[in-house]
Amino acid sequence: MAATILVQITTNLARKGEPTHLLISTSSIEGQDSGLLHDSLVSCNNLVTVERTRIHKVIGRLPATTMQKIDLCLKAALGLQ
């Protein structure tokens, strides 16, 4: 079984600025290529592992620099910092 780990992305911006959350602004270059329609928070508190066959559609991608920021949020959420 090939699996991948997913994080929740939400338009509820109430936790913006917390070390476990990353704001993706649709007005920024990273946000424009993300496939997101609204400013959103990547919430690294909510992780789920799913089989890759259950992922039916990729709506966008985030650049490597943004993924590095998400790595820092994941480390904070998992207590690895």
Protein backbone atom coordinates (compact mmCIF):
# COMPACT_ATOMS: atom_id res chain seq x y z
CA MET A 1 0.00 0.00 0.00
CA ALA A 2 1.51 3.30 -1.09
CA ALA A 3 0.44 6.01 1.33
CA THR A 4 0.92 9.71 1.78
CA ILE A 5 0.42 12.08 4.70
CA LEU A 6 -2.02 14.96 4.26
CA VAL A 7 -2.57 18.10 6.30
CA GLN A 8 -5.77 20.08 6.61
CA ILE A 9 -6.13 23.33 4.70
CA THR A 10 -8.82 25.70 5.95
CA THR A 11 -10.13 29.17 5.12
CA ASN A 12 -10.64 29.82 8.85
CA LEU A 13 -7.73 32.19 9.50
CA ALA A 14 -8.27 32.46 13.28
CA ARG A 15 -5.01 30.62 14.09
CA LYS A 16 -2.86 32.65 11.70
CA GLY A 17 0.59 33.32 13.15
CA GLU A 18 0.76 30.16 15.25
CA PRO A 19 3.94 28.13 14.63
CA THR A 20 1.86 25.10 13.58
CA HIS A 21 -0.01 27.01 10.86
CA LEU A 22 1.07 28.60 7.60
CA LEU A 23 -0.90 31.26 5.74
CA ILE A 24 -1.18 30.82 1.98
CA SER A 25 -2.32 34.12 0.48
CA THR A 26 -3.94 33.86 -2.93
CA SER A 27 -2.56 37.31 -3.75
CA SER A 28 1.03 36.02 -3.47
CA ILE A 29 2.88 34.12 -6.18
CA GLU A 30 2.89 30.94 -4.09
CA GLY A 31 -0.84 31.27 -3.53
CA GLN A 32 -1.65 31.90 -7.18
CA ASP A 33 -0.05 28.61 -8.21
CA SER A 34 -1.53 26.69 -5.27
CA GLY A 35 -4.94 26.05 -6.80
CA LEU A 36 -6.62 27.57 -3.73
CA LEU A 37 -9.49 29.99 -4.33
CA HIS A 38 -9.25 31.85 -0.99
CA ASP A 39 -6.59 32.81 1.53
CA SER A 40 -6.09 29.65 3.56
CA LEU A 41 -4.17 28.20 6.49
CA VAL A 42 -2.21 24.98 6.28
CA SER A 43 -2.91 23.37 9.66
CA CYS A 44 -0.13 20.98 10.60
CA ASN A 45 -2.04 19.94 13.73
CA ASN A 46 -4.35 17.72 11.67
CA LEU A 47 -2.40 14.96 9.95
CA VAL A 48 -3.95 11.97 8.21
CA THR A 49 -2.37 9.09 6.30
CA VAL A 50 -4.29 7.87 3.24
CA GLU A 51 -3.70 5.43 0.44
CA ARG A 52 -2.60 7.27 -2.69
CA THR A 53 -5.33 5.52 -4.69
CA ARG A 54 -7.88 7.52 -2.63
CA ILE A 55 -6.50 10.82 -3.96
CA HIS A 56 -8.52 11.42 -7.09
CA LYS A 57 -7.52 14.93 -8.06
CA VAL A 58 -4.61 17.28 -7.40
CA ILE A 59 -5.87 20.87 -7.37
CA GLY A 60 -2.49 22.61 -7.28
CA ARG A 61 1.05 22.59 -6.00
CA LEU A 62 3.18 24.59 -3.61
CA PRO A 63 6.74 25.66 -4.42
CA ALA A 64 9.70 24.12 -2.60
CA THR A 65 10.23 27.28 -0.52
CA THR A 66 6.66 27.02 0.81
CA MET A 67 7.10 23.31 1.51
CA GLN A 68 10.17 24.18 3.61
CA LYS A 69 7.95 26.50 5.68
CA ILE A 70 5.41 23.68 6.05
CA ASP A 71 8.24 21.41 7.25
CA LEU A 72 8.91 23.93 10.05
CA CYS A 73 5.21 23.94 10.97
CA LEU A 74 5.20 20.13 11.05
CA LYS A 75 8.27 20.11 13.31
CA ALA A 76 6.51 22.53 15.67
CA ALA A 77 3.34 20.41 15.69
CA LEU A 78 5.30 17.21 16.38
CA GLY A 79 7.54 18.82 19.01
CA LEU A 80 10.71 18.33 16.98
CA GLN A 81 12.04 21.87 17.32
